[in-house]
Amino acid sequence: MAVSLQLTYHNMDPSTAVEKAVREKVDKLEQFSDQVTACHVTIDAPHKHHHKGKIYSVLIELHVPDTEIVASRSPAENHAHEDVYVAIRDAFNSARRQLKEYEQRRRGKVKTHEPPVPPGETIE
């Protein structure tokens, strides 16, 4: 199923190369779940320093049945995000982890742990 993609740029010009990279990442997410119905990606270059590079932030919103998965990478976390492709990669890695967890919960494959036995009690 093709995921509906909406790509928004803030404080930067649209780029076909960035759009291609985002589309490839969205296509890879489909390998982990067929439940994604829509994806909204926002790429923001909030800092406009003349002597330093821009640090990009990426926000991903995945729409799946019964919930929405939100993954982001904010500029303060990593100066490697001066490269928009690194910021995109990191945000999609986070989205992929959350999507895997969603699929595990949906399929009932979440580990449950027995509560600890209080001291002095026995298990019958």
C-alpha atoms as a PDB file:
ATOM      1  CA  MET A   1       0.000   0.000   0.000  1.00  0.00           C
ATOM      2  CA  ALA A   2       1.393   3.405  -0.935  1.00  0.00           C
ATOM      3  CA  VAL A   3       1.608   5.725   2.044  1.00  0.00           C
ATOM      4  CA  SER A   4       0.276   9.237   1.547  1.00  0.00           C
ATOM      5  CA  LEU A   5       3.244  11.574   2.094  1.00  0.00           C
ATOM      6  CA  GLN A   6       3.056  15.258   2.943  1.00  0.00           C
ATOM      7  CA  LEU A   7       6.410  17.059   3.097  1.00  0.00           C
ATOM      8  CA  THR A   8       6.663  20.559   4.572  1.00  0.00           C
ATOM      9  CA  TYR A   9       9.706  22.816   4.584  1.00  0.00           C
ATOM     10  CA  HIS A  10      10.166  25.680   7.072  1.00  0.00           C
ATOM     11  CA  ASN A  11      12.818  28.365   6.658  1.00  0.00           C
ATOM     12  CA  MET A  12      14.329  26.602   3.653  1.00  0.00           C
ATOM     13  CA  ASP A  13      13.662  26.099  -0.014  1.00  0.00           C
ATOM     14  CA  PRO A  14      12.153  22.816  -1.233  1.00  0.00           C
ATOM     15  CA  SER A  15      14.678  20.347  -2.575  1.00  0.00           C
ATOM     16  CA  THR A  16      14.077  17.435  -4.927  1.00  0.00           C
ATOM     17  CA  ALA A  17      17.081  15.602  -3.434  1.00  0.00           C
ATOM     18  CA  VAL A  18      15.692  15.946   0.101  1.00  0.00           C
ATOM     19  CA  GLU A  19      12.245  14.873  -1.094  1.00  0.00           C
ATOM     20  CA  LYS A  20      13.756  11.798  -2.750  1.00  0.00           C
ATOM     21  CA  ALA A  21      15.619  10.880   0.462  1.00  0.00           C
ATOM     22  CA  VAL A  22      12.425  11.257   2.511  1.00  0.00           C
ATOM     23  CA  ARG A  23      10.400   9.141   0.056  1.00  0.00           C
ATOM     24  CA  GLU A  24      13.013   6.374   0.249  1.00  0.00           C
ATOM     25  CA  LYS A  25      12.811   6.398   4.067  1.00  0.00           C
ATOM     26  CA  VAL A  26       8.997   6.267   3.966  1.00  0.00           C
ATOM     27  CA  ASP A  27       9.145   3.321   1.560  1.00  0.00           C
ATOM     28  CA  LYS A  28      11.436   1.488   4.010  1.00  0.00           C
ATOM     29  CA  LEU A  29       8.950   2.068   6.839  1.00  0.00           C
ATOM     30  CA  GLU A  30       6.384   0.108   4.840  1.00  0.00           C
ATOM     31  CA  GLN A  31       8.584  -2.978   5.297  1.00  0.00           C
ATOM     32  CA  PHE A  32       7.904  -2.855   9.051  1.00  0.00           C
ATOM     33  CA  SER A  33       4.168  -2.238   8.945  1.00  0.00           C
ATOM     34  CA  ASP A  34       1.353  -2.215   6.425  1.00  0.00           C
ATOM     35  CA  GLN A  35      -0.742  -0.191   8.874  1.00  0.00           C
ATOM     36  CA  VAL A  36       0.700   3.254   8.030  1.00  0.00           C
ATOM     37  CA  THR A  37      -1.940   5.261   6.177  1.00  0.00           C
ATOM     38  CA  ALA A  38      -0.278   8.675   6.047  1.00  0.00           C
ATOM     39  CA  CYS A  39       3.035  10.324   6.823  1.00  0.00           C
ATOM     40  CA  HIS A  40       3.665  14.027   7.395  1.00  0.00           C
ATOM     41  CA  VAL A  41       7.305  15.119   7.497  1.00  0.00           C
ATOM     42  CA  THR A  42       8.329  18.646   8.495  1.00  0.00           C
ATOM     43  CA  ILE A  43      11.908  19.784   7.932  1.00  0.00           C
ATOM     44  CA  ASP A  44      12.889  23.000   9.671  1.00  0.00           C
ATOM     45  CA  ALA A  45      16.073  25.048   9.486  1.00  0.00           C
ATOM     46  CA  PRO A  46      15.352  27.371  12.420  1.00  0.00           C
ATOM     47  CA  HIS A  47      18.763  28.950  12.984  1.00  0.00           C
ATOM     48  CA  LYS A  48      19.981  31.495  10.489  1.00  0.00           C
ATOM     49  CA  HIS A  49      23.514  32.172  11.711  1.00  0.00           C
ATOM     50  CA  HIS A  50      25.820  33.709   9.144  1.00  0.00           C
ATOM     51  CA  HIS A  51      28.985  32.259  10.654  1.00  0.00           C
ATOM     52  CA  LYS A  52      27.695  28.799  11.537  1.00  0.00           C
ATOM     53  CA  GLY A  53      25.753  26.131   9.689  1.00  0.00           C
ATOM     54  CA  LYS A  54      22.038  25.644  10.119  1.00  0.00           C
ATOM     55  CA  ILE A  55      20.968  22.833  12.400  1.00  0.00           C
ATOM     56  CA  TYR A  56      17.943  21.063  10.953  1.00  0.00           C
ATOM     57  CA  SER A  57      15.079  19.627  12.930  1.00  0.00           C
ATOM     58  CA  VAL A  58      12.846  16.921  11.504  1.00  0.00           C
ATOM     59  CA  LEU A  59       9.371  15.994  12.721  1.00  0.00           C
ATOM     60  CA  ILE A  60       7.624  12.842  11.481  1.00  0.00           C
ATOM     61  CA  GLU A  61       3.960  12.058  12.104  1.00  0.00           C
ATOM     62  CA  LEU A  62       2.831   8.564  11.129  1.00  0.00           C
ATOM     63  CA  HIS A  63      -0.875   7.831  11.061  1.00  0.00           C
ATOM     64  CA  VAL A  64      -1.766   4.250  11.983  1.00  0.00           C
ATOM     65  CA  PRO A  65      -5.088   2.772  13.156  1.00  0.00           C
ATOM     66  CA  ASP A  66      -6.059   3.942  16.652  1.00  0.00           C
ATOM     67  CA  THR A  67      -3.030   6.195  17.178  1.00  0.00           C
ATOM     68  CA  GLU A  68      -0.412   8.513  15.764  1.00  0.00           C
ATOM     69  CA  ILE A  69       3.322   7.955  16.033  1.00  0.00           C
ATOM     70  CA  VAL A  70       5.419  11.106  16.381  1.00  0.00           C
ATOM     71  CA  ALA A  71       9.191  11.111  16.046  1.00  0.00           C
ATOM     72  CA  SER A  72      11.445  14.126  16.004  1.00  0.00           C
ATOM     73  CA  ARG A  73      15.007  15.165  16.238  1.00  0.00           C
ATOM     74  CA  SER A  74      15.577  18.626  17.615  1.00  0.00           C
ATOM     75  CA  PRO A  75      18.633  20.758  16.907  1.00  0.00           C
ATOM     76  CA  ALA A  76      19.990  20.894  20.431  1.00  0.00           C
ATOM     77  CA  GLU A  77      20.491  17.141  20.491  1.00  0.00           C
ATOM     78  CA  ASN A  78      23.190  16.783  17.866  1.00  0.00           C
ATOM     79  CA  HIS A  79      25.408  19.121  15.857  1.00  0.00           C
ATOM     80  CA  ALA A  80      25.663  16.410  13.212  1.00  0.00           C
ATOM     81  CA  HIS A  81      22.218  17.687  12.210  1.00  0.00           C
ATOM     82  CA  GLU A  82      23.911  20.501  10.340  1.00  0.00           C
ATOM     83  CA  ASP A  83      23.537  17.938   7.556  1.00  0.00           C
ATOM     84  CA  VAL A  84      19.853  17.661   6.663  1.00  0.00           C
ATOM     85  CA  TYR A  85      20.291  14.035   5.568  1.00  0.00           C
ATOM     86  CA  VAL A  86      21.697  13.030   8.968  1.00  0.00           C
ATOM     87  CA  ALA A  87      18.747  14.717  10.688  1.00  0.00           C
ATOM     88  CA  ILE A  88      16.338  12.872   8.366  1.00  0.00           C
ATOM     89  CA  ARG A  89      18.082   9.546   8.999  1.00  0.00           C
ATOM     90  CA  ASP A  90      17.979   9.949  12.776  1.00  0.00           C
ATOM     91  CA  ALA A  91      14.309  10.976  12.819  1.00  0.00           C
ATOM     92  CA  PHE A  92      13.307   8.034  10.622  1.00  0.00           C
ATOM     93  CA  ASN A  93      15.336   5.650  12.814  1.00  0.00           C
ATOM     94  CA  SER A  94      13.288   6.845  15.780  1.00  0.00           C
ATOM     95  CA  ALA A  95      10.037   6.484  13.807  1.00  0.00           C
ATOM     96  CA  ARG A  96      11.027   2.958  12.767  1.00  0.00           C
ATOM     97  CA  ARG A  97      11.671   1.912  16.385  1.00  0.00           C
ATOM     98  CA  GLN A  98       8.306   3.292  17.475  1.00  0.00           C
ATOM     99  CA  LEU A  99       6.558   1.633  14.529  1.00  0.00           C
ATOM    100  CA  LYS A 100       8.127  -1.729  15.456  1.00  0.00           C
ATOM    101  CA  GLU A 101       6.890  -1.317  19.036  1.00  0.00           C
ATOM    102  CA  TYR A 102       3.407  -0.443  17.744  1.00  0.00           C
ATOM    103  CA  GLU A 103       3.362  -3.604  15.605  1.00  0.00           C
ATOM    104  CA  GLN A 104       4.496  -5.753  18.528  1.00  0.00           C
ATOM    105  CA  ARG A 105       1.708  -4.377  20.743  1.00  0.00           C
ATOM    106  CA  ARG A 106      -0.843  -4.778  17.944  1.00  0.00           C
ATOM    107  CA  ARG A 107       0.146  -8.408  17.431  1.00  0.00           C
ATOM    108  CA  GLY A 108       0.268  -9.125  21.163  1.00  0.00           C
ATOM    109  CA  LYS A 109       3.970  -9.923  21.167  1.00  0.00           C
ATOM    110  CA  VAL A 110       4.861  -7.750  24.131  1.00  0.00           C
ATOM    111  CA  LYS A 111       6.684  -9.492  26.939  1.00  0.00           C
ATOM    112  CA  THR A 112       4.958  -9.447  30.290  1.00  0.00           C
ATOM    113  CA  HIS A 113       6.805  -9.978  33.522  1.00  0.00           C
ATOM    114  CA  GLU A 114       5.485 -11.730  36.585  1.00  0.00           C
ATOM    115  CA  PRO A 115       5.192  -9.448  39.609  1.00  0.00           C
ATOM    116  CA  PRO A 116       7.925 -10.041  42.186  1.00  0.00           C
ATOM    117  CA  VAL A 117       7.071 -12.354  45.064  1.00  0.00           C
ATOM    118  CA  PRO A 118       7.160 -10.518  48.410  1.00  0.00           C
ATOM    119  CA  PRO A 119       9.705 -11.890  50.899  1.00  0.00           C
ATOM    120  CA  GLY A 120       8.331 -14.649  53.056  1.00  0.00           C
ATOM    121  CA  GLU A 121       5.638 -15.752  50.584  1.00  0.00           C
ATOM    122  CA  THR A 122       5.767 -18.877  48.465  1.00  0.00           C
ATOM    123  CA  ILE A 123       4.435 -19.536  44.995  1.00  0.00           C
ATOM    124  CA  GLU A 124       1.797 -22.267  44.884  1.00  0.00           C
END
